[in-house]
Amino acid sequence: MDLSLKIYDKLSLAMGSSGTPYRGGLLALARAFHPMPSYRRGNHVWNPGELPAGLYYNLEAVFAEEDVQPDGKSVVRLVLPDQLFFCEETYFYNEPSTTRMRCITAGSVWKVSASDYATIHREFGLGFDLINLLSLKTLGEYRSRTAQLLQCAPKVRLEQAVRQYPSLLSALTREELASFLLLSRSSVHRILSKTYGRG
């Protein structure tokens, strides 16, 4: 499948029934995505204090968005392959990012620039609705994940995460895994040792 059509499908899915009047704009936006240099483990899409304007499509990499504080870092979300993503502070408030988006598994990313996005928005008027719906989807996924994690026993949290994305055990450090699953490092170590024979 042509990659622009794949991106168009992701954009249409995000818009849902609201996207029907915007089909031309969504197709134009999908065609405006261009490949970025391939990311390797440890590369950053953005860092705190930067203005990473643009909408990204992650073809095959895995990224961890991290909240970096003086006393450490925590994983806010994972961006898995075949997902759209963007920096919320920059998109909504034109503010520098407070997070870091770090590559943990190498792969390709495509991006539509802020200027191309603005041009397409002026012509088709879809930009605000698209970003609103993308943000609601992202927030909904985050709330759902957090609610599920808090209701599950630690062992079940880890099992569900590994079932959804098996290479999580090798992609994230034990500290990152604990942060993402809202567990202590000792709990992650104990569960991995007993369940997977890995500590």
N, C-alpha and C. Protein backbone atom coordinates (compact mmCIF):
# COMPACT_ATOMS: atom_id res chain seq x y z
N MET A 1 0.84 -1.19 0.00
CA MET A 1 0.00 0.00 0.00
C MET A 1 0.89 1.25 0.00
N ASP A 2 0.53 2.23 -0.79
CA ASP A 2 1.21 3.52 -0.81
C ASP A 2 1.17 4.10 0.60
N LEU A 3 2.33 4.58 1.08
CA LEU A 3 2.40 5.07 2.46
C LEU A 3 1.46 6.25 2.70
N SER A 4 1.29 7.12 1.71
CA SER A 4 0.40 8.26 1.91
C SER A 4 -1.04 7.78 2.13
N LEU A 5 -1.43 6.67 1.49
CA LEU A 5 -2.77 6.13 1.72
C LEU A 5 -2.89 5.53 3.11
N LYS A 6 -1.79 4.93 3.58
CA LYS A 6 -1.77 4.37 4.93
C LYS A 6 -1.93 5.50 5.96
N ILE A 7 -1.22 6.60 5.74
CA ILE A 7 -1.33 7.75 6.64
C ILE A 7 -2.73 8.35 6.54
N TYR A 8 -3.27 8.41 5.33
CA TYR A 8 -4.64 8.91 5.14
C TYR A 8 -5.63 8.09 5.97
N ASP A 9 -5.45 6.76 5.97
CA ASP A 9 -6.34 5.89 6.75
C ASP A 9 -6.24 6.22 8.24
N LYS A 10 -5.01 6.47 8.74
CA LYS A 10 -4.83 6.82 10.15
C LYS A 10 -5.50 8.16 10.47
N LEU A 11 -5.33 9.13 9.58
CA LEU A 11 -5.95 10.43 9.78
C LEU A 11 -7.48 10.32 9.76
N SER A 12 -8.00 9.55 8.82
CA SER A 12 -9.46 9.37 8.71
C SER A 12 -10.01 8.69 9.94
N LEU A 13 -9.29 7.70 10.44
CA LEU A 13 -9.71 6.99 11.65
C LEU A 13 -9.77 7.95 12.84
N ALA A 14 -8.77 8.83 12.93
CA ALA A 14 -8.74 9.80 14.03
C ALA A 14 -9.93 10.77 13.93
N MET A 15 -10.26 11.16 12.71
CA MET A 15 -11.37 12.12 12.52
C MET A 15 -12.74 11.47 12.67
N GLY A 16 -12.83 10.17 12.38
CA GLY A 16 -14.12 9.49 12.46
C GLY A 16 -15.12 10.10 11.49
N SER A 17 -16.39 10.15 11.88
CA SER A 17 -17.43 10.69 11.00
C SER A 17 -17.23 12.18 10.75
N SER A 18 -16.49 12.86 11.65
CA SER A 18 -16.22 14.29 11.44
C SER A 18 -15.34 14.53 10.22
N GLY A 19 -14.65 13.47 9.77
CA GLY A 19 -13.71 13.64 8.67
C GLY A 19 -14.32 13.65 7.29
N THR A 20 -15.61 13.28 7.18
CA THR A 20 -16.23 13.18 5.87
C THR A 20 -16.13 14.47 5.05
N PRO A 21 -16.40 15.64 5.63
CA PRO A 21 -16.28 16.86 4.83
C PRO A 21 -14.82 17.23 4.52
N TYR A 22 -13.89 16.57 5.18
CA TYR A 22 -12.48 16.94 5.06
C TYR A 22 -11.66 15.95 4.24
N ARG A 23 -12.31 15.08 3.49
CA ARG A 23 -11.56 14.04 2.78
C ARG A 23 -10.45 14.60 1.91
N GLY A 24 -10.75 15.66 1.17
CA GLY A 24 -9.74 16.26 0.32
C GLY A 24 -8.57 16.80 1.12
N GLY A 25 -8.87 17.43 2.24
CA GLY A 25 -7.83 17.97 3.10
C GLY A 25 -6.99 16.88 3.74
N LEU A 26 -7.64 15.79 4.18
CA LEU A 26 -6.91 14.67 4.78
C LEU A 26 -5.98 14.02 3.77
N LEU A 27 -6.44 13.88 2.53
CA LEU A 27 -5.59 13.30 1.50
C LEU A 27 -4.41 14.23 1.19
N ALA A 28 -4.67 15.53 1.11
CA ALA A 28 -3.59 16.50 0.87
C ALA A 28 -2.57 16.45 2.01
N LEU A 29 -3.08 16.33 3.25
CA LEU A 29 -2.19 16.27 4.40
C LEU A 29 -1.35 15.00 4.38
N ALA A 30 -1.98 13.88 4.06
CA ALA A 30 -1.25 12.60 4.00
C ALA A 30 -0.14 12.66 2.95
N ARG A 31 -0.41 13.32 1.84
CA ARG A 31 0.60 13.42 0.78
C ARG A 31 1.72 14.39 1.13
N ALA A 32 1.50 15.24 2.14
CA ALA A 32 2.51 16.23 2.53
C ALA A 32 3.55 15.65 3.49
N PHE A 33 3.34 14.44 3.99
CA PHE A 33 4.32 13.80 4.87
C PHE A 33 5.56 13.43 4.09
N HIS A 34 6.72 13.69 4.68
CA HIS A 34 8.00 13.36 4.06
C HIS A 34 8.86 12.58 5.04
N PRO A 35 9.71 11.69 4.52
CA PRO A 35 10.54 10.89 5.44
C PRO A 35 11.60 11.74 6.13
N MET A 36 11.85 11.42 7.38
CA MET A 36 12.93 12.03 8.14
C MET A 36 14.10 11.05 8.14
N PRO A 37 15.28 11.50 8.50
CA PRO A 37 16.38 10.54 8.64
C PRO A 37 15.99 9.45 9.64
N SER A 38 16.40 8.21 9.38
CA SER A 38 16.03 7.10 10.27
C SER A 38 16.53 7.35 11.69
N TYR A 39 15.71 6.96 12.65
CA TYR A 39 16.08 7.11 14.05
C TYR A 39 16.72 5.83 14.57
N ARG A 40 17.72 6.01 15.41
CA ARG A 40 18.37 4.89 16.09
C ARG A 40 18.11 5.02 17.57
N ARG A 41 18.31 3.92 18.28
CA ARG A 41 18.10 3.94 19.73
C ARG A 41 18.90 5.07 20.37
N GLY A 42 18.22 5.86 21.19
CA GLY A 42 18.88 6.96 21.88
C GLY A 42 18.71 8.30 21.19
N ASN A 43 18.36 8.30 19.88
CA ASN A 43 18.09 9.57 19.18
C ASN A 43 16.82 10.20 19.74
N HIS A 44 16.76 11.53 19.71
CA HIS A 44 15.59 12.25 20.22
C HIS A 44 14.85 12.95 19.07
N VAL A 45 13.54 12.81 19.05
CA VAL A 45 12.73 13.57 18.11
C VAL A 45 12.64 15.01 18.60
N TRP A 46 12.47 15.17 19.91
CA TRP A 46 12.52 16.50 20.52
C TRP A 46 13.01 16.37 21.96
N ASN A 47 13.41 17.50 22.51
CA ASN A 47 13.91 17.60 23.88
C ASN A 47 13.17 18.70 24.62
N PRO A 48 13.23 18.69 25.96
CA PRO A 48 12.61 19.78 26.71
C PRO A 48 13.17 21.13 26.27
N GLY A 49 12.29 22.11 26.15
CA GLY A 49 12.71 23.46 25.76
C GLY A 49 12.67 23.71 24.27
N GLU A 50 12.43 22.66 23.46
CA GLU A 50 12.35 22.83 22.01
C GLU A 50 10.91 23.05 21.57
N LEU A 51 10.75 23.55 20.35
CA LEU A 51 9.43 23.75 19.75
C LEU A 51 9.28 22.81 18.56
N PRO A 52 8.96 21.54 18.81
CA PRO A 52 8.90 20.56 17.71
C PRO A 52 7.59 20.63 16.94
N ALA A 53 7.42 21.70 16.18
CA ALA A 53 6.17 21.85 15.43
C ALA A 53 6.11 20.83 14.31
N GLY A 54 4.94 20.28 14.11
CA GLY A 54 4.75 19.31 13.04
C GLY A 54 3.96 18.11 13.54
N LEU A 55 3.47 17.34 12.60
CA LEU A 55 2.74 16.12 12.90
C LEU A 55 3.57 14.97 12.37
N TYR A 56 3.77 13.94 13.18
CA TYR A 56 4.65 12.82 12.84
C TYR A 56 3.83 11.55 12.63
N TYR A 57 4.37 10.69 11.74
CA TYR A 57 3.82 9.34 11.58
C TYR A 57 4.96 8.38 11.80
N ASN A 58 4.81 7.52 12.80
CA ASN A 58 5.84 6.54 13.12
C ASN A 58 5.57 5.26 12.34
N LEU A 59 6.43 4.99 11.38
CA LEU A 59 6.24 3.81 10.52
C LEU A 59 6.59 2.53 11.24
N GLU A 60 7.76 2.48 11.89
CA GLU A 60 8.21 1.19 12.42
C GLU A 60 9.05 1.28 13.69
N ALA A 61 9.34 2.47 14.17
CA ALA A 61 10.17 2.61 15.37
C ALA A 61 9.31 2.48 16.63
N VAL A 62 9.95 2.55 17.77
CA VAL A 62 9.25 2.65 19.05
C VAL A 62 9.90 3.80 19.81
N PHE A 63 9.06 4.70 20.35
CA PHE A 63 9.55 5.86 21.08
C PHE A 63 8.96 5.88 22.48
N ALA A 64 9.72 6.43 23.41
CA ALA A 64 9.22 6.67 24.76
C ALA A 64 9.22 8.18 24.98
N GLU A 65 8.05 8.73 25.32
CA GLU A 65 7.99 10.14 25.68
C GLU A 65 8.23 10.23 27.18
N GLU A 66 9.26 10.98 27.55
CA GLU A 66 9.71 11.01 28.93
C GLU A 66 9.53 12.39 29.55
N ASP A 67 9.06 12.40 30.77
CA ASP A 67 9.01 13.61 31.58
C ASP A 67 10.33 13.64 32.35
N VAL A 68 11.18 14.59 32.02
CA VAL A 68 12.52 14.64 32.60
C VAL A 68 12.55 15.70 33.70
N GLN A 69 12.86 15.27 34.91
CA GLN A 69 12.92 16.15 36.07
C GLN A 69 14.30 16.05 36.71
N PRO A 70 14.68 17.03 37.55
CA PRO A 70 15.99 16.96 38.20
C PRO A 70 16.21 15.67 39.00
N ASP A 71 15.12 15.10 39.54
CA ASP A 71 15.27 13.89 40.35
C ASP A 71 15.06 12.61 39.55
N GLY A 72 14.99 12.71 38.23
CA GLY A 72 14.87 11.51 37.41
C GLY A 72 13.91 11.72 36.25
N LYS A 73 13.51 10.62 35.62
CA LYS A 73 12.61 10.70 34.48
C LYS A 73 11.55 9.63 34.62
N SER A 74 10.41 9.86 33.99
CA SER A 74 9.35 8.86 33.96
C SER A 74 8.81 8.79 32.54
N VAL A 75 8.40 7.61 32.13
CA VAL A 75 7.85 7.40 30.80
C VAL A 75 6.37 7.76 30.81
N VAL A 76 6.02 8.78 30.02
CA VAL A 76 4.64 9.25 29.96
C VAL A 76 3.82 8.38 29.02
N ARG A 77 4.38 8.06 27.87
CA ARG A 77 3.67 7.21 26.91
C ARG A 77 4.66 6.57 25.96
N LEU A 78 4.21 5.51 25.32
CA LEU A 78 4.98 4.87 24.26
C LEU A 78 4.31 5.18 22.94
N VAL A 79 5.11 5.43 21.92
CA VAL A 79 4.60 5.58 20.56
C VAL A 79 5.05 4.35 19.79
N LEU A 80 4.10 3.49 19.47
CA LEU A 80 4.40 2.23 18.79
C LEU A 80 4.32 2.42 17.28
N PRO A 81 4.77 1.44 16.52
CA PRO A 81 4.68 1.56 15.05
C PRO A 81 3.26 1.80 14.57
N ASP A 82 3.15 2.50 13.44
CA ASP A 82 1.87 2.80 12.79
C ASP A 82 1.01 3.71 13.65
N GLN A 83 1.64 4.73 14.24
CA GLN A 83 0.90 5.71 15.03
C GLN A 83 1.27 7.13 14.63
N LEU A 84 0.29 8.02 14.72
CA LEU A 84 0.53 9.46 14.57
C LEU A 84 0.89 10.01 15.94
N PHE A 85 1.78 11.02 15.99
CA PHE A 85 2.08 11.66 17.27
C PHE A 85 2.54 13.09 17.04
N PHE A 86 2.52 13.88 18.10
CA PHE A 86 2.91 15.29 18.03
C PHE A 86 3.21 15.76 19.44
N CYS A 87 3.84 16.91 19.55
CA CYS A 87 4.14 17.51 20.85
C CYS A 87 2.95 18.38 21.26
N GLU A 88 2.29 18.00 22.33
CA GLU A 88 1.06 18.68 22.70
C GLU A 88 1.28 20.13 23.12
N GLU A 89 2.34 20.41 23.88
CA GLU A 89 2.57 21.80 24.31
C GLU A 89 2.74 22.74 23.12
N THR A 90 3.47 22.27 22.11
CA THR A 90 3.72 23.11 20.95
C THR A 90 2.46 23.30 20.12
N TYR A 91 1.71 22.21 19.92
CA TYR A 91 0.51 22.31 19.09
C TYR A 91 -0.57 23.15 19.73
N PHE A 92 -0.80 22.93 21.02
CA PHE A 92 -1.92 23.62 21.66
C PHE A 92 -1.59 25.02 22.13
N TYR A 93 -0.37 25.20 22.63
CA TYR A 93 -0.05 26.47 23.29
C TYR A 93 1.12 27.21 22.66
N ASN A 94 1.70 26.65 21.61
CA ASN A 94 2.90 27.23 21.00
C ASN A 94 3.99 27.46 22.07
N GLU A 95 4.09 26.50 22.97
CA GLU A 95 5.07 26.54 24.05
C GLU A 95 6.14 25.48 23.82
N PRO A 96 7.33 25.70 24.36
CA PRO A 96 8.36 24.66 24.25
C PRO A 96 7.92 23.37 24.95
N SER A 97 8.44 22.27 24.48
CA SER A 97 8.11 20.99 25.07
C SER A 97 8.64 20.88 26.50
N THR A 98 7.91 20.16 27.33
CA THR A 98 8.40 19.84 28.67
C THR A 98 8.83 18.38 28.75
N THR A 99 8.70 17.67 27.62
CA THR A 99 9.06 16.26 27.59
C THR A 99 10.16 16.01 26.56
N ARG A 100 10.66 14.78 26.58
CA ARG A 100 11.65 14.35 25.59
C ARG A 100 11.08 13.12 24.90
N MET A 101 11.14 13.09 23.57
CA MET A 101 10.70 11.92 22.81
C MET A 101 11.94 11.17 22.33
N ARG A 102 12.17 10.01 22.93
CA ARG A 102 13.42 9.27 22.70
C ARG A 102 13.14 7.96 21.97
N CYS A 103 13.98 7.65 20.99
CA CYS A 103 13.85 6.39 20.24
C CYS A 103 14.40 5.24 21.08
N ILE A 104 13.62 4.17 21.20
CA ILE A 104 14.11 3.00 21.92
C ILE A 104 14.24 1.78 21.00
N THR A 105 13.60 1.83 19.83
CA THR A 105 13.81 0.80 18.81
C THR A 105 13.89 1.51 17.46
N ALA A 106 14.95 1.24 16.71
CA ALA A 106 15.23 1.98 15.47
C ALA A 106 14.12 1.83 14.44
N GLY A 107 13.98 2.86 13.59
CA GLY A 107 12.99 2.79 12.52
C GLY A 107 12.78 4.12 11.83
N SER A 108 11.81 4.14 10.94
CA SER A 108 11.54 5.31 10.09
C SER A 108 10.36 6.12 10.61
N VAL A 109 10.48 7.42 10.46
CA VAL A 109 9.43 8.36 10.85
C VAL A 109 9.20 9.33 9.70
N TRP A 110 7.95 9.68 9.46
CA TRP A 110 7.58 10.66 8.44
C TRP A 110 6.97 11.85 9.15
N LYS A 111 7.08 13.02 8.54
CA LYS A 111 6.62 14.24 9.19
C LYS A 111 6.02 15.20 8.17
N VAL A 112 4.98 15.90 8.59
CA VAL A 112 4.48 17.03 7.82
C VAL A 112 4.90 18.28 8.59
N SER A 113 5.54 19.21 7.91
CA SER A 113 6.06 20.40 8.59
C SER A 113 4.92 21.29 9.06
N ALA A 114 5.23 22.17 10.00
CA ALA A 114 4.23 23.11 10.51
C ALA A 114 3.74 24.03 9.40
N SER A 115 4.63 24.44 8.49
CA SER A 115 4.22 25.35 7.41
C SER A 115 3.30 24.64 6.42
N ASP A 116 3.61 23.40 6.05
CA ASP A 116 2.73 22.63 5.16
C ASP A 116 1.38 22.39 5.83
N TYR A 117 1.43 22.07 7.12
CA TYR A 117 0.20 21.83 7.86
C TYR A 117 -0.68 23.09 7.85
N ALA A 118 -0.05 24.25 8.09
CA ALA A 118 -0.79 25.51 8.11
C ALA A 118 -1.39 25.83 6.74
N THR A 119 -0.62 25.56 5.68
CA THR A 119 -1.12 25.81 4.31
C THR A 119 -2.34 24.95 4.02
N ILE A 120 -2.27 23.68 4.38
CA ILE A 120 -3.39 22.77 4.13
C ILE A 120 -4.59 23.15 4.99
N HIS A 121 -4.31 23.58 6.21
CA HIS A 121 -5.40 24.02 7.09
C HIS A 121 -6.12 25.24 6.49
N ARG A 122 -5.34 26.18 5.96
CA ARG A 122 -5.95 27.39 5.37
C ARG A 122 -6.83 27.02 4.17
N GLU A 123 -6.37 26.05 3.39
CA GLU A 123 -7.13 25.68 2.20
C GLU A 123 -8.36 24.84 2.53
N PHE A 124 -8.22 23.90 3.48
CA PHE A 124 -9.30 22.94 3.73
C PHE A 124 -9.99 23.12 5.10
N GLY A 125 -9.36 23.88 6.01
CA GLY A 125 -9.97 24.15 7.31
C GLY A 125 -10.09 22.96 8.24
N LEU A 126 -9.16 22.00 8.13
CA LEU A 126 -9.31 20.81 8.96
C LEU A 126 -8.40 20.79 10.19
N GLY A 127 -7.42 21.68 10.24
CA GLY A 127 -6.38 21.58 11.25
C GLY A 127 -6.85 21.55 12.69
N PHE A 128 -7.72 22.48 13.07
CA PHE A 128 -8.13 22.55 14.47
C PHE A 128 -8.93 21.31 14.87
N ASP A 129 -9.85 20.91 14.03
CA ASP A 129 -10.65 19.71 14.34
C ASP A 129 -9.76 18.48 14.44
N LEU A 130 -8.81 18.37 13.52
CA LEU A 130 -7.93 17.20 13.53
C LEU A 130 -7.12 17.13 14.82
N ILE A 131 -6.49 18.23 15.19
CA ILE A 131 -5.67 18.23 16.40
C ILE A 131 -6.53 17.98 17.65
N ASN A 132 -7.72 18.59 17.68
CA ASN A 132 -8.62 18.34 18.82
C ASN A 132 -8.96 16.87 18.95
N LEU A 133 -9.30 16.23 17.82
CA LEU A 133 -9.68 14.82 17.86
C LEU A 133 -8.48 13.93 18.17
N LEU A 134 -7.31 14.27 17.61
CA LEU A 134 -6.11 13.50 17.93
C LEU A 134 -5.78 13.59 19.41
N SER A 135 -5.93 14.79 19.97
CA SER A 135 -5.61 14.97 21.39
C SER A 135 -6.61 14.23 22.27
N LEU A 136 -7.88 14.26 21.90
CA LEU A 136 -8.88 13.52 22.67
C LEU A 136 -8.60 12.03 22.64
N LYS A 137 -8.19 11.54 21.47
CA LYS A 137 -7.86 10.12 21.33
C LYS A 137 -6.66 9.78 22.21
N THR A 138 -5.62 10.64 22.17
CA THR A 138 -4.42 10.41 22.97
C THR A 138 -4.76 10.44 24.46
N LEU A 139 -5.54 11.45 24.87
CA LEU A 139 -5.91 11.57 26.27
C LEU A 139 -6.78 10.40 26.70
N GLY A 140 -7.69 9.99 25.83
CA GLY A 140 -8.54 8.84 26.14
C GLY A 140 -7.74 7.58 26.34
N GLU A 141 -6.76 7.35 25.46
CA GLU A 141 -5.91 6.17 25.58
C GLU A 141 -5.12 6.21 26.88
N TYR A 142 -4.60 7.41 27.22
CA TYR A 142 -3.82 7.55 28.44
C TYR A 142 -4.68 7.27 29.68
N ARG A 143 -5.87 7.85 29.72
CA ARG A 143 -6.75 7.64 30.88
C ARG A 143 -7.16 6.18 30.99
N SER A 144 -7.46 5.58 29.83
CA SER A 144 -7.86 4.18 29.83
C SER A 144 -6.73 3.30 30.34
N ARG A 145 -5.51 3.56 29.84
CA ARG A 145 -4.37 2.77 30.27
C ARG A 145 -4.11 2.94 31.75
N THR A 146 -4.16 4.18 32.24
CA THR A 146 -3.90 4.45 33.66
C THR A 146 -4.95 3.77 34.54
N ALA A 147 -6.21 3.87 34.12
CA ALA A 147 -7.28 3.23 34.89
C ALA A 147 -7.10 1.72 34.94
N GLN A 148 -6.76 1.13 33.79
CA GLN A 148 -6.55 -0.31 33.73
C GLN A 148 -5.37 -0.71 34.61
N LEU A 149 -4.29 0.07 34.54
CA LEU A 149 -3.10 -0.27 35.32
C LEU A 149 -3.39 -0.23 36.82
N LEU A 150 -4.13 0.80 37.24
CA LEU A 150 -4.40 0.97 38.67
C LEU A 150 -5.34 -0.11 39.20
N GLN A 151 -6.15 -0.69 38.31
CA GLN A 151 -7.10 -1.72 38.74
C GLN A 151 -6.50 -3.12 38.70
N CYS A 152 -5.38 -3.27 38.01
CA CYS A 152 -4.79 -4.60 37.84
C CYS A 152 -3.69 -4.85 38.87
N ALA A 153 -3.52 -6.11 39.21
CA ALA A 153 -2.38 -6.50 40.04
C ALA A 153 -1.10 -6.28 39.24
N PRO A 154 0.01 -6.02 39.93
CA PRO A 154 1.28 -5.75 39.21
C PRO A 154 1.64 -6.80 38.16
N LYS A 155 1.46 -8.08 38.50
CA LYS A 155 1.81 -9.15 37.55
C LYS A 155 0.95 -9.04 36.29
N VAL A 156 -0.34 -8.73 36.47
CA VAL A 156 -1.25 -8.63 35.34
C VAL A 156 -0.89 -7.42 34.47
N ARG A 157 -0.50 -6.30 35.11
CA ARG A 157 -0.08 -5.12 34.35
C ARG A 157 1.04 -5.47 33.40
N LEU A 158 2.04 -6.15 33.94
CA LEU A 158 3.21 -6.49 33.12
C LEU A 158 2.84 -7.48 32.02
N GLU A 159 2.04 -8.47 32.35
CA GLU A 159 1.63 -9.47 31.35
C GLU A 159 0.85 -8.82 30.22
N GLN A 160 -0.05 -7.90 30.55
CA GLN A 160 -0.83 -7.22 29.51
C GLN A 160 0.07 -6.39 28.60
N ALA A 161 1.02 -5.69 29.20
CA ALA A 161 1.93 -4.86 28.41
C ALA A 161 2.77 -5.72 27.47
N VAL A 162 3.28 -6.83 27.98
CA VAL A 162 4.12 -7.71 27.16
C VAL A 162 3.30 -8.39 26.07
N ARG A 163 2.06 -8.73 26.38
CA ARG A 163 1.20 -9.35 25.36
C ARG A 163 0.91 -8.36 24.23
N GLN A 164 0.69 -7.09 24.59
CA GLN A 164 0.41 -6.07 23.57
C GLN A 164 1.64 -5.79 22.72
N TYR A 165 2.80 -5.76 23.35
CA TYR A 165 4.02 -5.46 22.60
C TYR A 165 5.17 -6.31 23.17
N PRO A 166 5.36 -7.52 22.62
CA PRO A 166 6.30 -8.48 23.21
C PRO A 166 7.74 -7.96 23.38
N SER A 167 8.22 -7.12 22.46
CA SER A 167 9.61 -6.67 22.60
C SER A 167 9.81 -5.59 23.64
N LEU A 168 8.75 -5.29 24.41
CA LEU A 168 8.86 -4.28 25.46
C LEU A 168 9.95 -4.63 26.46
N LEU A 169 10.11 -5.91 26.74
CA LEU A 169 11.10 -6.33 27.73
C LEU A 169 12.52 -5.99 27.31
N SER A 170 12.77 -6.02 26.01
CA SER A 170 14.12 -5.68 25.57
C SER A 170 14.23 -4.21 25.15
N ALA A 171 13.10 -3.57 24.86
CA ALA A 171 13.14 -2.17 24.39
C ALA A 171 13.35 -1.19 25.54
N LEU A 172 12.71 -1.45 26.68
CA LEU A 172 12.80 -0.53 27.82
C LEU A 172 13.73 -1.09 28.89
N THR A 173 14.42 -0.20 29.57
CA THR A 173 15.19 -0.61 30.74
C THR A 173 14.19 -0.98 31.83
N ARG A 174 14.65 -1.67 32.85
CA ARG A 174 13.76 -2.06 33.95
C ARG A 174 13.19 -0.82 34.64
N GLU A 175 14.00 0.23 34.77
CA GLU A 175 13.52 1.47 35.39
C GLU A 175 12.42 2.11 34.54
N GLU A 176 12.62 2.13 33.19
CA GLU A 176 11.63 2.71 32.29
C GLU A 176 10.34 1.88 32.31
N LEU A 177 10.50 0.56 32.35
CA LEU A 177 9.34 -0.33 32.38
C LEU A 177 8.54 -0.09 33.66
N ALA A 178 9.22 0.05 34.78
CA ALA A 178 8.55 0.32 36.05
C ALA A 178 7.80 1.64 36.00
N SER A 179 8.44 2.66 35.43
CA SER A 179 7.82 3.98 35.32
C SER A 179 6.57 3.92 34.46
N PHE A 180 6.66 3.24 33.32
CA PHE A 180 5.53 3.18 32.39
C PHE A 180 4.36 2.41 32.98
N LEU A 181 4.64 1.36 33.75
CA LEU A 181 3.59 0.51 34.30
C LEU A 181 3.14 0.93 35.69
N LEU A 182 3.68 2.06 36.19
CA LEU A 182 3.33 2.56 37.52
C LEU A 182 3.65 1.53 38.59
N LEU A 183 4.81 0.90 38.48
CA LEU A 183 5.27 -0.09 39.44
C LEU A 183 6.61 0.32 40.02
N SER A 184 6.99 -0.30 41.11
CA SER A 184 8.34 -0.07 41.64
C SER A 184 9.32 -0.95 40.86
N ARG A 185 10.59 -0.57 40.86
CA ARG A 185 11.60 -1.38 40.17
C ARG A 185 11.69 -2.78 40.78
N SER A 186 11.55 -2.85 42.11
CA SER A 186 11.65 -4.16 42.76
C SER A 186 10.49 -5.07 42.34
N SER A 187 9.31 -4.49 42.15
CA SER A 187 8.17 -5.30 41.68
C SER A 187 8.42 -5.83 40.28
N VAL A 188 8.93 -4.97 39.40
CA VAL A 188 9.23 -5.40 38.03
C VAL A 188 10.27 -6.51 38.06
N HIS A 189 11.32 -6.33 38.84
CA HIS A 189 12.39 -7.33 38.93
C HIS A 189 11.84 -8.67 39.44
N ARG A 190 11.02 -8.62 40.48
CA ARG A 190 10.47 -9.84 41.07
C ARG A 190 9.56 -10.56 40.08
N ILE A 191 8.69 -9.82 39.39
CA ILE A 191 7.75 -10.44 38.44
C ILE A 191 8.50 -11.02 37.25
N LEU A 192 9.49 -10.28 36.73
CA LEU A 192 10.25 -10.78 35.60
C LEU A 192 11.02 -12.04 35.96
N SER A 193 11.58 -12.07 37.16
CA SER A 193 12.33 -13.25 37.60
C SER A 193 11.44 -14.46 37.72
N LYS A 194 10.25 -14.28 38.30
CA LYS A 194 9.36 -15.42 38.53
C LYS A 194 8.62 -15.85 37.28
N THR A 195 8.20 -14.88 36.47
CA THR A 195 7.32 -15.19 35.33
C THR A 195 8.09 -15.47 34.06
N TYR A 196 9.14 -14.68 33.81
CA TYR A 196 9.85 -14.79 32.53
C TYR A 196 11.28 -15.29 32.68
N GLY A 197 11.71 -15.52 33.91
CA GLY A 197 13.08 -15.99 34.13
C GLY A 197 14.10 -14.90 33.79
N ARG A 198 13.66 -13.65 33.85
CA ARG A 198 14.55 -12.51 33.55
C ARG A 198 14.43 -11.51 34.67
N GLY A 199 15.57 -10.95 35.07
CA GLY A 199 15.52 -9.98 36.14
C GLY A 199 16.07 -8.65 35.73
